[in-house]
Full PDB file with SEQRES, HELIX, SHEET, SSBOND, CRYST1, ORIGX, SCALE, CONECT and MASTER records, all heavy atoms in Angstrom:
SEQRES   1 A   42  ALA LEU ILE GLN ASP ILE ARG GLU CYS CYS GLY PRO GLN          
SEQRES   2 A   42  ALA VAL LEU MET GLU LEU ASN SER THR VAL LYS GLU LYS          
SEQRES   3 A   42  PHE SER GLN LEU ARG LEU ARG ILE GLN ASP MET GLU GLN          
SEQRES   4 A   42  MET ALA LYS                                                  
HELIX    1 AA1 LEU A    2  GLU A    8  1                                   7    
HELIX    2 AA2 GLN A   13  ALA A   41  1                                  29    
CRYST1    1.000    1.000    1.000  90.00  90.00  90.00 P 1           1          
ORIGX1      1.000000  0.000000  0.000000        0.00000                         
ORIGX2      0.000000  1.000000  0.000000        0.00000                         
ORIGX3      0.000000  0.000000  1.000000        0.00000                         
SCALE1      1.000000  0.000000  0.000000        0.00000                         
SCALE2      0.000000  1.000000  0.000000        0.00000                         
SCALE3      0.000000  0.000000  1.000000        0.00000                         
ATOM      1  N   ALA A   1       0.835  -1.209   0.000  1.00  0.00           N  
ATOM      2  CA  ALA A   1       0.000   0.000   0.000  1.00  0.00           C  
ATOM      3  C   ALA A   1       0.868   1.257   0.000  1.00  0.00           C  
ATOM      4  O   ALA A   1       0.575   2.232  -0.721  1.00  0.00           O  
ATOM      5  CB  ALA A   1      -0.925  -0.008   1.220  1.00  0.00           C  
ATOM      6  N   LEU A   2       1.929   1.241   0.779  1.00  0.00           N  
ATOM      7  CA  LEU A   2       2.817   2.411   0.841  1.00  0.00           C  
ATOM      8  C   LEU A   2       3.566   2.610  -0.486  1.00  0.00           C  
ATOM      9  O   LEU A   2       3.774   3.742  -0.927  1.00  0.00           O  
ATOM     10  CB  LEU A   2       3.818   2.234   1.989  1.00  0.00           C  
ATOM     11  CG  LEU A   2       3.211   2.330   3.392  1.00  0.00           C  
ATOM     12  CD1 LEU A   2       4.195   1.824   4.441  1.00  0.00           C  
ATOM     13  CD2 LEU A   2       2.807   3.762   3.701  1.00  0.00           C  
ATOM     14  N   ILE A   3       3.965   1.506  -1.122  1.00  0.00           N  
ATOM     15  CA  ILE A   3       4.630   1.609  -2.425  1.00  0.00           C  
ATOM     16  C   ILE A   3       3.678   2.213  -3.452  1.00  0.00           C  
ATOM     17  O   ILE A   3       4.070   3.035  -4.282  1.00  0.00           O  
ATOM     18  CB  ILE A   3       5.139   0.228  -2.885  1.00  0.00           C  
ATOM     19  CG1 ILE A   3       6.290  -0.237  -1.981  1.00  0.00           C  
ATOM     20  CG2 ILE A   3       5.599   0.266  -4.336  1.00  0.00           C  
ATOM     21  CD1 ILE A   3       6.762  -1.650  -2.253  1.00  0.00           C  
ATOM     22  N   GLN A   4       2.407   1.812  -3.372  1.00  0.00           N  
ATOM     23  CA  GLN A   4       1.414   2.392  -4.273  1.00  0.00           C  
ATOM     24  C   GLN A   4       1.265   3.897  -4.020  1.00  0.00           C  
ATOM     25  O   GLN A   4       1.140   4.688  -4.964  1.00  0.00           O  
ATOM     26  CB  GLN A   4       0.064   1.685  -4.075  1.00  0.00           C  
ATOM     27  CG  GLN A   4      -1.044   2.151  -4.997  1.00  0.00           C  
ATOM     28  CD  GLN A   4      -0.769   1.835  -6.450  1.00  0.00           C  
ATOM     29  OE1 GLN A   4      -0.052   0.890  -6.761  1.00  0.00           O  
ATOM     30  NE2 GLN A   4      -1.336   2.624  -7.350  1.00  0.00           N  
ATOM     31  N   ASP A   5       1.306   4.290  -2.753  1.00  0.00           N  
ATOM     32  CA  ASP A   5       1.247   5.722  -2.420  1.00  0.00           C  
ATOM     33  C   ASP A   5       2.438   6.474  -3.016  1.00  0.00           C  
ATOM     34  O   ASP A   5       2.294   7.603  -3.503  1.00  0.00           O  
ATOM     35  CB  ASP A   5       1.227   5.901  -0.900  1.00  0.00           C  
ATOM     36  CG  ASP A   5      -0.090   5.450  -0.289  1.00  0.00           C  
ATOM     37  OD1 ASP A   5      -1.070   5.314  -1.047  1.00  0.00           O  
ATOM     38  OD2 ASP A   5      -0.126   5.241   0.934  1.00  0.00           O  
ATOM     39  N   ILE A   6       3.624   5.842  -2.959  1.00  0.00           N  
ATOM     40  CA  ILE A   6       4.826   6.485  -3.522  1.00  0.00           C  
ATOM     41  C   ILE A   6       4.693   6.635  -5.031  1.00  0.00           C  
ATOM     42  O   ILE A   6       5.064   7.672  -5.599  1.00  0.00           O  
ATOM     43  CB  ILE A   6       6.082   5.679  -3.147  1.00  0.00           C  
ATOM     44  CG1 ILE A   6       6.341   5.767  -1.635  1.00  0.00           C  
ATOM     45  CG2 ILE A   6       7.305   6.170  -3.914  1.00  0.00           C  
ATOM     46  CD1 ILE A   6       7.470   4.881  -1.141  1.00  0.00           C  
ATOM     47  N   ARG A   7       4.167   5.585  -5.696  1.00  0.00           N  
ATOM     48  CA  ARG A   7       3.990   5.675  -7.155  1.00  0.00           C  
ATOM     49  C   ARG A   7       3.092   6.859  -7.527  1.00  0.00           C  
ATOM     50  O   ARG A   7       3.307   7.514  -8.554  1.00  0.00           O  
ATOM     51  CB  ARG A   7       3.364   4.377  -7.682  1.00  0.00           C  
ATOM     52  CG  ARG A   7       4.295   3.174  -7.701  1.00  0.00           C  
ATOM     53  CD  ARG A   7       3.709   2.069  -8.566  1.00  0.00           C  
ATOM     54  NE  ARG A   7       4.492   0.844  -8.473  1.00  0.00           N  
ATOM     55  CZ  ARG A   7       4.147  -0.194  -7.723  1.00  0.00           C  
ATOM     56  NH1 ARG A   7       3.045  -0.144  -6.991  1.00  0.00           N  
ATOM     57  NH2 ARG A   7       4.907  -1.277  -7.699  1.00  0.00           N  
ATOM     58  N   GLU A   8       2.085   7.086  -6.705  1.00  0.00           N  
ATOM     59  CA  GLU A   8       1.100   8.117  -7.046  1.00  0.00           C  
ATOM     60  C   GLU A   8       1.418   9.462  -6.408  1.00  0.00           C  
ATOM     61  O   GLU A   8       0.651  10.417  -6.566  1.00  0.00           O  
ATOM     62  CB  GLU A   8      -0.281   7.643  -6.605  1.00  0.00           C  
ATOM     63  CG  GLU A   8      -0.721   6.363  -7.328  1.00  0.00           C  
ATOM     64  CD  GLU A   8      -2.012   5.785  -6.773  1.00  0.00           C  
ATOM     65  OE1 GLU A   8      -2.479   6.325  -5.743  1.00  0.00           O  
ATOM     66  OE2 GLU A   8      -2.533   4.822  -7.349  1.00  0.00           O  
ATOM     67  N   CYS A   9       2.528   9.517  -5.673  1.00  0.00           N  
ATOM     68  CA  CYS A   9       2.899  10.773  -5.012  1.00  0.00           C  
ATOM     69  C   CYS A   9       3.437  11.774  -6.047  1.00  0.00           C  
ATOM     70  O   CYS A   9       4.316  11.463  -6.837  1.00  0.00           O  
ATOM     71  CB  CYS A   9       3.952  10.506  -3.935  1.00  0.00           C  
ATOM     72  SG  CYS A   9       4.544  11.987  -3.107  1.00  0.00           S  
ATOM     73  N   CYS A  10       2.899  12.993  -6.009  1.00  0.00           N  
ATOM     74  CA  CYS A  10       3.344  14.056  -6.916  1.00  0.00           C  
ATOM     75  C   CYS A  10       4.114  15.142  -6.168  1.00  0.00           C  
ATOM     76  O   CYS A  10       4.288  16.259  -6.685  1.00  0.00           O  
ATOM     77  CB  CYS A  10       2.146  14.667  -7.640  1.00  0.00           C  
ATOM     78  SG  CYS A  10       1.278  13.484  -8.693  1.00  0.00           S  
ATOM     79  N   GLY A  11       4.548  14.831  -4.975  1.00  0.00           N  
ATOM     80  CA  GLY A  11       5.307  15.800  -4.208  1.00  0.00           C  
ATOM     81  C   GLY A  11       4.504  16.349  -3.052  1.00  0.00           C  
ATOM     82  O   GLY A  11       3.347  15.977  -2.839  1.00  0.00           O  
ATOM     83  N   PRO A  12       5.083  17.226  -2.311  1.00  0.00           N  
ATOM     84  CA  PRO A  12       6.487  17.656  -2.398  1.00  0.00           C  
ATOM     85  C   PRO A  12       7.450  16.584  -1.855  1.00  0.00           C  
ATOM     86  O   PRO A  12       7.023  15.518  -1.433  1.00  0.00           O  
ATOM     87  CB  PRO A  12       6.513  18.913  -1.532  1.00  0.00           C  
ATOM     88  CG  PRO A  12       5.438  18.671  -0.518  1.00  0.00           C  
ATOM     89  CD  PRO A  12       4.348  17.922  -1.238  1.00  0.00           C  
ATOM     90  N   GLN A  13       8.714  16.927  -1.829  1.00  0.00           N  
ATOM     91  CA  GLN A  13       9.738  15.991  -1.386  1.00  0.00           C  
ATOM     92  C   GLN A  13       9.513  15.540   0.058  1.00  0.00           C  
ATOM     93  O   GLN A  13       9.818  14.399   0.419  1.00  0.00           O  
ATOM     94  CB  GLN A  13      11.133  16.629  -1.519  1.00  0.00           C  
ATOM     95  CG  GLN A  13      11.617  16.808  -2.946  1.00  0.00           C  
ATOM     96  CD  GLN A  13      12.048  15.499  -3.574  1.00  0.00           C  
ATOM     97  OE1 GLN A  13      12.152  14.475  -2.905  1.00  0.00           O  
ATOM     98  NE2 GLN A  13      12.300  15.537  -4.876  1.00  0.00           N  
ATOM     99  N   ALA A  14       8.990  16.416   0.884  1.00  0.00           N  
ATOM    100  CA  ALA A  14       8.771  16.073   2.302  1.00  0.00           C  
ATOM    101  C   ALA A  14       7.796  14.911   2.441  1.00  0.00           C  
ATOM    102  O   ALA A  14       7.962  14.037   3.306  1.00  0.00           O  
ATOM    103  CB  ALA A  14       8.244  17.294   3.052  1.00  0.00           C  
ATOM    104  N   VAL A  15       6.754  14.890   1.567  1.00  0.00           N  
ATOM    105  CA  VAL A  15       5.782  13.791   1.607  1.00  0.00           C  
ATOM    106  C   VAL A  15       6.456  12.479   1.217  1.00  0.00           C  
ATOM    107  O   VAL A  15       6.257  11.431   1.842  1.00  0.00           O  
ATOM    108  CB  VAL A  15       4.598  14.092   0.673  1.00  0.00           C  
ATOM    109  CG1 VAL A  15       3.648  12.892   0.601  1.00  0.00           C  
ATOM    110  CG2 VAL A  15       3.855  15.335   1.145  1.00  0.00           C  
ATOM    111  N   LEU A  16       7.288  12.543   0.173  1.00  0.00           N  
ATOM    112  CA  LEU A  16       8.006  11.345  -0.263  1.00  0.00           C  
ATOM    113  C   LEU A  16       8.940  10.829   0.823  1.00  0.00           C  
ATOM    114  O   LEU A  16       9.028   9.617   1.064  1.00  0.00           O  
ATOM    115  CB  LEU A  16       8.793  11.661  -1.533  1.00  0.00           C  
ATOM    116  CG  LEU A  16       9.630  10.511  -2.111  1.00  0.00           C  
ATOM    117  CD1 LEU A  16       8.744   9.329  -2.468  1.00  0.00           C  
ATOM    118  CD2 LEU A  16      10.421  10.975  -3.331  1.00  0.00           C  
ATOM    119  N   MET A  17       9.626  11.730   1.493  1.00  0.00           N  
ATOM    120  CA  MET A  17      10.543  11.320   2.565  1.00  0.00           C  
ATOM    121  C   MET A  17       9.777  10.659   3.709  1.00  0.00           C  
ATOM    122  O   MET A  17      10.239   9.661   4.291  1.00  0.00           O  
ATOM    123  CB  MET A  17      11.309  12.540   3.071  1.00  0.00           C  
ATOM    124  CG  MET A  17      12.327  13.099   2.075  1.00  0.00           C  
ATOM    125  SD  MET A  17      13.133  14.606   2.662  1.00  0.00           S  
ATOM    126  CE  MET A  17      13.983  13.975   4.108  1.00  0.00           C  
ATOM    127  N   GLU A  18       8.622  11.194   4.031  1.00  0.00           N  
ATOM    128  CA  GLU A  18       7.815  10.616   5.112  1.00  0.00           C  
ATOM    129  C   GLU A  18       7.338   9.212   4.732  1.00  0.00           C  
ATOM    130  O   GLU A  18       7.376   8.277   5.560  1.00  0.00           O  
ATOM    131  CB  GLU A  18       6.617  11.511   5.404  1.00  0.00           C  
ATOM    132  CG  GLU A  18       5.768  11.014   6.568  1.00  0.00           C  
ATOM    133  CD  GLU A  18       4.614  11.959   6.881  1.00  0.00           C  
ATOM    134  OE1 GLU A  18       4.555  13.046   6.269  1.00  0.00           O  
ATOM    135  OE2 GLU A  18       3.782  11.602   7.731  1.00  0.00           O  
ATOM    136  N   LEU A  19       6.901   9.050   3.487  1.00  0.00           N  
ATOM    137  CA  LEU A  19       6.468   7.720   3.033  1.00  0.00           C  
ATOM    138  C   LEU A  19       7.624   6.722   3.073  1.00  0.00           C  
ATOM    139  O   LEU A  19       7.464   5.582   3.522  1.00  0.00           O  
ATOM    140  CB  LEU A  19       5.914   7.819   1.603  1.00  0.00           C  
ATOM    141  CG  LEU A  19       4.543   8.485   1.442  1.00  0.00           C  
ATOM    142  CD1 LEU A  19       4.230   8.703  -0.036  1.00  0.00           C  
ATOM    143  CD2 LEU A  19       3.455   7.646   2.089  1.00  0.00           C  
ATOM    144  N   ASN A  20       8.794   7.152   2.621  1.00  0.00           N  
ATOM    145  CA  ASN A  20       9.960   6.260   2.634  1.00  0.00           C  
ATOM    146  C   ASN A  20      10.365   5.872   4.048  1.00  0.00           C  
ATOM    147  O   ASN A  20      10.795   4.744   4.299  1.00  0.00           O  
ATOM    148  CB  ASN A  20      11.141   6.928   1.917  1.00  0.00           C  
ATOM    149  CG  ASN A  20      11.024   6.835   0.405  1.00  0.00           C  
ATOM    150  OD1 ASN A  20      10.559   5.832  -0.118  1.00  0.00           O  
ATOM    151  ND2 ASN A  20      11.428   7.882  -0.297  1.00  0.00           N  
ATOM    152  N   SER A  21      10.239   6.803   4.975  1.00  0.00           N  
ATOM    153  CA  SER A  21      10.564   6.495   6.365  1.00  0.00           C  
ATOM    154  C   SER A  21       9.639   5.407   6.917  1.00  0.00           C  
ATOM    155  O   SER A  21      10.080   4.481   7.606  1.00  0.00           O  
ATOM    156  CB  SER A  21      10.446   7.768   7.211  1.00  0.00           C  
ATOM    157  OG  SER A  21      10.675   7.471   8.572  1.00  0.00           O  
ATOM    158  N   THR A  22       8.360   5.508   6.576  1.00  0.00           N  
ATOM    159  CA  THR A  22       7.398   4.499   7.031  1.00  0.00           C  
ATOM    160  C   THR A  22       7.682   3.144   6.390  1.00  0.00           C  
ATOM    161  O   THR A  22       7.605   2.097   7.048  1.00  0.00           O  
ATOM    162  CB  THR A  22       5.966   4.938   6.685  1.00  0.00           C  
ATOM    163  OG1 THR A  22       5.722   6.234   7.227  1.00  0.00           O  
ATOM    164  CG2 THR A  22       4.945   3.955   7.254  1.00  0.00           C  
ATOM    165  N   VAL A  23       8.037   3.158   5.097  1.00  0.00           N  
ATOM    166  CA  VAL A  23       8.351   1.901   4.405  1.00  0.00           C  
ATOM    167  C   VAL A  23       9.562   1.221   5.045  1.00  0.00           C  
ATOM    168  O   VAL A  23       9.587   0.002   5.247  1.00  0.00           O  
ATOM    169  CB  VAL A  23       8.619   2.162   2.907  1.00  0.00           C  
ATOM    170  CG1 VAL A  23       9.138   0.900   2.232  1.00  0.00           C  
ATOM    171  CG2 VAL A  23       7.342   2.617   2.213  1.00  0.00           C  
ATOM    172  N   LYS A  24      10.587   1.991   5.389  1.00  0.00           N  
ATOM    173  CA  LYS A  24      11.768   1.424   6.035  1.00  0.00           C  
ATOM    174  C   LYS A  24      11.404   0.744   7.353  1.00  0.00           C  
ATOM    175  O   LYS A  24      11.904  -0.341   7.676  1.00  0.00           O  
ATOM    176  CB  LYS A  24      12.804   2.519   6.285  1.00  0.00           C  
ATOM    177  CG  LYS A  24      13.489   3.031   5.029  1.00  0.00           C  
ATOM    178  CD  LYS A  24      14.482   4.142   5.361  1.00  0.00           C  
ATOM    179  CE  LYS A  24      15.149   4.692   4.106  1.00  0.00           C  
ATOM    180  NZ  LYS A  24      16.083   5.809   4.402  1.00  0.00           N  
ATOM    181  N   GLU A  25      10.544   1.379   8.105  1.00  0.00           N  
ATOM    182  CA  GLU A  25      10.127   0.805   9.393  1.00  0.00           C  
ATOM    183  C   GLU A  25       9.382  -0.514   9.184  1.00  0.00           C  
ATOM    184  O   GLU A  25       9.620  -1.497   9.891  1.00  0.00           O  
ATOM    185  CB  GLU A  25       9.235   1.806  10.121  1.00  0.00           C  
ATOM    186  CG  GLU A  25       8.749   1.311  11.473  1.00  0.00           C  
ATOM    187  CD  GLU A  25       7.824   2.308  12.155  1.00  0.00           C  
ATOM    188  OE1 GLU A  25       7.683   3.434  11.642  1.00  0.00           O  
ATOM    189  OE2 GLU A  25       7.252   1.954  13.196  1.00  0.00           O  
ATOM    190  N   LYS A  26       8.487  -0.533   8.178  1.00  0.00           N  
ATOM    191  CA  LYS A  26       7.735  -1.759   7.897  1.00  0.00           C  
ATOM    192  C   LYS A  26       8.655  -2.881   7.409  1.00  0.00           C  
ATOM    193  O   LYS A  26       8.496  -4.048   7.788  1.00  0.00           O  
ATOM    194  CB  LYS A  26       6.650  -1.487   6.852  1.00  0.00           C  
ATOM    195  CG  LYS A  26       5.562  -0.525   7.312  1.00  0.00           C  
ATOM    196  CD  LYS A  26       4.820  -1.069   8.519  1.00  0.00           C  
ATOM    197  CE  LYS A  26       3.734  -0.096   8.971  1.00  0.00           C  
ATOM    198  NZ  LYS A  26       3.021  -0.597  10.186  1.00  0.00           N  
ATOM    199  N   PHE A  27       9.639  -2.539   6.585  1.00  0.00           N  
ATOM    200  CA  PHE A  27      10.595  -3.543   6.113  1.00  0.00           C  
ATOM    201  C   PHE A  27      11.392  -4.121   7.287  1.00  0.00           C  
ATOM    202  O   PHE A  27      11.692  -5.321   7.334  1.00  0.00           O  
ATOM    203  CB  PHE A  27      11.551  -2.942   5.083  1.00  0.00           C  
ATOM    204  CG  PHE A  27      11.087  -3.107   3.666  1.00  0.00           C  
ATOM    205  CD1 PHE A  27      10.892  -2.006   2.852  1.00  0.00           C  
ATOM    206  CD2 PHE A  27      10.845  -4.367   3.143  1.00  0.00           C  
ATOM    207  CE1 PHE A  27      10.466  -2.160   1.533  1.00  0.00           C  
ATOM    208  CE2 PHE A  27      10.425  -4.536   1.827  1.00  0.00           C  
ATOM    209  CZ  PHE A  27      10.225  -3.425   1.026  1.00  0.00           C  
ATOM    210  N   SER A  28      11.753  -3.272   8.237  1.00  0.00           N  
ATOM    211  CA  SER A  28      12.499  -3.732   9.406  1.00  0.00           C  
ATOM    212  C   SER A  28      11.667  -4.727  10.216  1.00  0.00           C  
ATOM    213  O   SER A  28      12.151  -5.781  10.646  1.00  0.00           O  
ATOM    214  CB  SER A  28      12.890  -2.533  10.273  1.00  0.00           C  
ATOM    215  OG  SER A  28      13.564  -2.958  11.444  1.00  0.00           O  
ATOM    216  N   GLN A  29      10.376  -4.402  10.424  1.00  0.00           N  
ATOM    217  CA  GLN A  29       9.487  -5.301  11.165  1.00  0.00           C  
ATOM    218  C   GLN A  29       9.281  -6.608  10.404  1.00  0.00           C  
ATOM    219  O   GLN A  29       9.283  -7.696  10.997  1.00  0.00           O  
ATOM    220  CB  GLN A  29       8.146  -4.598  11.401  1.00  0.00           C  
ATOM    221  CG  GLN A  29       8.244  -3.400  12.335  1.00  0.00           C  
ATOM    222  CD  GLN A  29       6.964  -2.589  12.375  1.00  0.00           C  
ATOM    223  OE1 GLN A  29       6.162  -2.616  11.443  1.00  0.00           O  
ATOM    224  NE2 GLN A  29       6.766  -1.851  13.452  1.00  0.00           N  
ATOM    225  N   LEU A  30       9.117  -6.497   9.076  1.00  0.00           N  
ATOM    226  CA  LEU A  30       8.928  -7.695   8.250  1.00  0.00           C  
ATOM    227  C   LEU A  30      10.156  -8.595   8.312  1.00  0.00           C  
ATOM    228  O   LEU A  30      10.047  -9.820   8.446  1.00  0.00           O  
ATOM    229  CB  LEU A  30       8.655  -7.266   6.804  1.00  0.00           C  
ATOM    230  CG  LEU A  30       8.555  -8.394   5.764  1.00  0.00           C  
ATOM    231  CD1 LEU A  30       7.414  -9.329   6.102  1.00  0.00           C  
ATOM    232  CD2 LEU A  30       8.368  -7.812   4.370  1.00  0.00           C  
ATOM    233  N   ARG A  31      11.335  -8.000   8.236  1.00  0.00           N  
ATOM    234  CA  ARG A  31      12.574  -8.779   8.260  1.00  0.00           C  
ATOM    235  C   ARG A  31      12.715  -9.536   9.582  1.00  0.00           C  
ATOM    236  O   ARG A  31      13.131 -10.712   9.608  1.00  0.00           O  
ATOM    237  CB  ARG A  31      13.763  -7.839   8.058  1.00  0.00           C  
ATOM    238  CG  ARG A  31      15.074  -8.554   7.753  1.00  0.00           C  
ATOM    239  CD  ARG A  31      16.186  -7.565   7.439  1.00  0.00           C  
ATOM    240  NE  ARG A  31      15.912  -6.804   6.218  1.00  0.00           N  
ATOM    241  CZ  ARG A  31      15.527  -5.532   6.207  1.00  0.00           C  
ATOM    242  NH1 ARG A  31      15.374  -4.864   7.338  1.00  0.00           N  
ATOM    243  NH2 ARG A  31      15.319  -4.917   5.052  1.00  0.00           N  
ATOM    244  N   LEU A  32      12.353  -8.903  10.679  1.00  0.00           N  
ATOM    245  CA  LEU A  32      12.440  -9.554  11.993  1.00  0.00           C  
ATOM    246  C   LEU A  32      11.489 -10.742  12.091  1.00  0.00           C  
ATOM    247  O   LEU A  32      11.852 -11.802  12.619  1.00  0.00           O  
ATOM    248  CB  LEU A  32      12.115  -8.535  13.096  1.00  0.00           C  
ATOM    249  CG  LEU A  32      13.195  -7.481  13.383  1.00  0.00           C  
ATOM    250  CD1 LEU A  32      12.686  -6.481  14.416  1.00  0.00           C  
ATOM    251  CD2 LEU A  32      14.477  -8.132  13.875  1.00  0.00           C  
ATOM    252  N   ARG A  33      10.276 -10.591  11.564  1.00  0.00           N  
ATOM    253  CA  ARG A  33       9.309 -11.686  11.641  1.00  0.00           C  
ATOM    254  C   ARG A  33       9.739 -12.867  10.748  1.00  0.00           C  
ATOM    255  O   ARG A  33       9.523 -14.029  11.102  1.00  0.00           O  
ATOM    256  CB  ARG A  33       7.917 -11.193  11.215  1.00  0.00           C  
ATOM    257  CG  ARG A  33       7.317 -10.155  12.128  1.00  0.00           C  
ATOM    258  CD  ARG A  33       7.392 -10.590  13.594  1.00  0.00           C  
ATOM    259  NE  ARG A  33       6.443 -11.645  13.895  1.00  0.00           N  
ATOM    260  CZ  ARG A  33       6.579 -12.503  14.872  1.00  0.00           C  
ATOM    261  NH1 ARG A  33       7.664 -12.481  15.644  1.00  0.00           N  
ATOM    262  NH2 ARG A  33       5.662 -13.415  15.107  1.00  0.00           N  
ATOM    263  N   ILE A  34      10.345 -12.564   9.600  1.00  0.00           N  
ATOM    264  CA  ILE A  34      10.854 -13.637   8.737  1.00  0.00           C  
ATOM    265  C   ILE A  34      11.970 -14.395   9.459  1.00  0.00           C  
ATOM    266  O   ILE A  34      12.054 -15.629   9.405  1.00  0.00           O  
ATOM    267  CB  ILE A  34      11.347 -13.056   7.397  1.00  0.00           C  
ATOM    268  CG1 ILE A  34      10.155 -12.566   6.566  1.00  0.00           C  
ATOM    269  CG2 ILE A  34      12.132 -14.106   6.604  1.00  0.00           C  
ATOM    270  CD1 ILE A  34      10.534 -11.879   5.276  1.00  0.00           C  
ATOM    271  N   GLN A  35      12.832 -13.658  10.159  1.00  0.00           N  
ATOM    272  CA  GLN A  35      13.890 -14.309  10.937  1.00  0.00           C  
ATOM    273  C   GLN A  35      13.304 -15.164  12.054  1.00  0.00           C  
ATOM    274  O   GLN A  35      13.803 -16.260  12.347  1.00  0.00           O  
ATOM    275  CB  GLN A  35      14.824 -13.247  11.510  1.00  0.00           C  
ATOM    276  CG  GLN A  35      15.673 -12.541  10.457  1.00  0.00           C  
ATOM    277  CD  GLN A  35      16.482 -11.391  11.036  1.00  0.00           C  
ATOM    278  OE1 GLN A  35      16.341 -11.048  12.222  1.00  0.00           O  
ATOM    279  NE2 GLN A  35      17.319 -10.766  10.215  1.00  0.00           N  
ATOM    280  N   ASP A  36      12.222 -14.683  12.682  1.00  0.00           N  
ATOM    281  CA  ASP A  36      11.557 -15.459  13.733  1.00  0.00           C  
ATOM    282  C   ASP A  36      11.021 -16.777  13.169  1.00  0.00           C  
ATOM    283  O   ASP A  36      11.157 -17.836  13.790  1.00  0.00           O  
ATOM    284  CB  ASP A  36      10.409 -14.646  14.345  1.00  0.00           C  
ATOM    285  CG  ASP A  36      10.919 -13.480  15.183  1.00  0.00           C  
ATOM    286  OD1 ASP A  36      12.104 -13.495  15.567  1.00  0.00           O  
ATOM    287  OD2 ASP A  36      10.139 -12.550  15.438  1.00  0.00           O  
ATOM    288  N   MET A  37      10.391 -16.710  11.988  1.00  0.00           N  
ATOM    289  CA  MET A  37       9.839 -17.921  11.379  1.00  0.00           C  
ATOM    290  C   MET A  37      10.954 -18.908  11.027  1.00  0.00           C  
ATOM    291  O   MET A  37      10.804 -20.123  11.221  1.00  0.00           O  
ATOM    292  CB  MET A  37       9.034 -17.559  10.130  1.00  0.00           C  
ATOM    293  CG  MET A  37       8.449 -18.774   9.415  1.00  0.00           C  
ATOM    294  SD  MET A  37       7.333 -18.369   8.054  1.00  0.00           S  
ATOM    295  CE  MET A  37       5.864 -17.938   8.972  1.00  0.00           C  
ATOM    296  N   GLU A  38      12.079 -18.379  10.545  1.00  0.00           N  
ATOM    297  CA  GLU A  38      13.209 -19.253  10.215  1.00  0.00           C  
ATOM    298  C   GLU A  38      13.738 -19.950  11.468  1.00  0.00           C  
ATOM    299  O   GLU A  38      14.081 -21.137  11.443  1.00  0.00           O  
ATOM    300  CB  GLU A  38      14.309 -18.430   9.562  1.00  0.00           C  
ATOM    301  CG  GLU A  38      15.457 -19.256   9.007  1.00  0.00           C  
ATOM    302  CD  GLU A  38      16.443 -18.417   8.220  1.00  0.00           C  
ATOM    303  OE1 GLU A  38      16.597 -17.220   8.547  1.00  0.00           O  
ATOM    304  OE2 GLU A  38      17.047 -18.939   7.293  1.00  0.00           O  
ATOM    305  N   GLN A  39      13.779 -19.234  12.582  1.00  0.00           N  
ATOM    306  CA  GLN A  39      14.231 -19.829  13.841  1.00  0.00           C  
ATOM    307  C   GLN A  39      13.250 -20.901  14.322  1.00  0.00           C  
ATOM    308  O   GLN A  39      13.667 -21.952  14.821  1.00  0.00           O  
ATOM    309  CB  GLN A  39      14.376 -18.732  14.905  1.00  0.00           C  
ATOM    310  CG  GLN A  39      14.889 -19.226  16.250  1.00  0.00           C  
ATOM    311  CD  GLN A  39      16.274 -19.850  16.156  1.00  0.00           C  
ATOM    312  OE1 GLN A  39      17.098 -19.420  15.371  1.00  0.00           O  
ATOM    313  NE2 GLN A  39      16.510 -20.866  16.952  1.00  0.00           N  
ATOM    314  N   MET A  40      11.930 -20.641  14.158  1.00  0.00           N  
ATOM    315  CA  MET A  40      10.923 -21.642  14.528  1.00  0.00           C  
ATOM    316  C   MET A  40      11.100 -22.911  13.707  1.00  0.00           C  
ATOM    317  O   MET A  40      10.919 -24.027  14.221  1.00  0.00           O  
ATOM    318  CB  MET A  40       9.516 -21.075  14.305  1.00  0.00           C  
ATOM    319  CG  MET A  40       9.121 -19.969  15.257  1.00  0.00           C  
ATOM    320  SD  MET A  40       7.453 -19.343  14.897  1.00  0.00           S  
ATOM    321  CE  MET A  40       7.449 -17.831  15.866  1.00  0.00           C  
ATOM    322  N   ALA A  41      11.453 -22.760  12.431  1.00  0.00           N  
ATOM    323  CA  ALA A  41      11.670 -23.936  11.576  1.00  0.00           C  
ATOM    324  C   ALA A  41      12.817 -24.784  12.119  1.00  0.00           C  
ATOM    325  O   ALA A  41      12.735 -26.016  12.147  1.00  0.00           O  
ATOM    326  CB  ALA A  41      11.960 -23.482  10.146  1.00  0.00           C  
ATOM    327  N   LYS A  42      13.900 -24.140  12.544  1.00  0.00           N  
ATOM    328  CA  LYS A  42      15.058 -24.867  13.045  1.00  0.00           C  
ATOM    329  C   LYS A  42      14.758 -25.597  14.352  1.00  0.00           C  
ATOM    330  O   LYS A  42      15.441 -26.555  14.704  1.00  0.00           O  
ATOM    331  CB  LYS A  42      16.224 -23.905  13.251  1.00  0.00           C  
ATOM    332  CG  LYS A  42      16.744 -23.294  11.954  1.00  0.00           C  
ATOM    333  CD  LYS A  42      17.852 -22.283  12.220  1.00  0.00           C  
ATOM    334  CE  LYS A  42      18.352 -21.652  10.927  1.00  0.00           C  
ATOM    335  NZ  LYS A  42      19.405 -20.630  11.179  1.00  0.00           N  
TER     336      LYS A  42                                                      
MASTER        0    0    0    2    0    0    0    6  335    1    0    4          
END                                                                             
């Protein structure tokens, strides 16, 4: 959903930076949960 917002964002730069900051946070949370699942598998 956030990537779709970025595609449709027409500015200004501050809005784009805010969206990217949120995406980074979500990627960090996603990466941690994937690592948790990998540990559960082991």
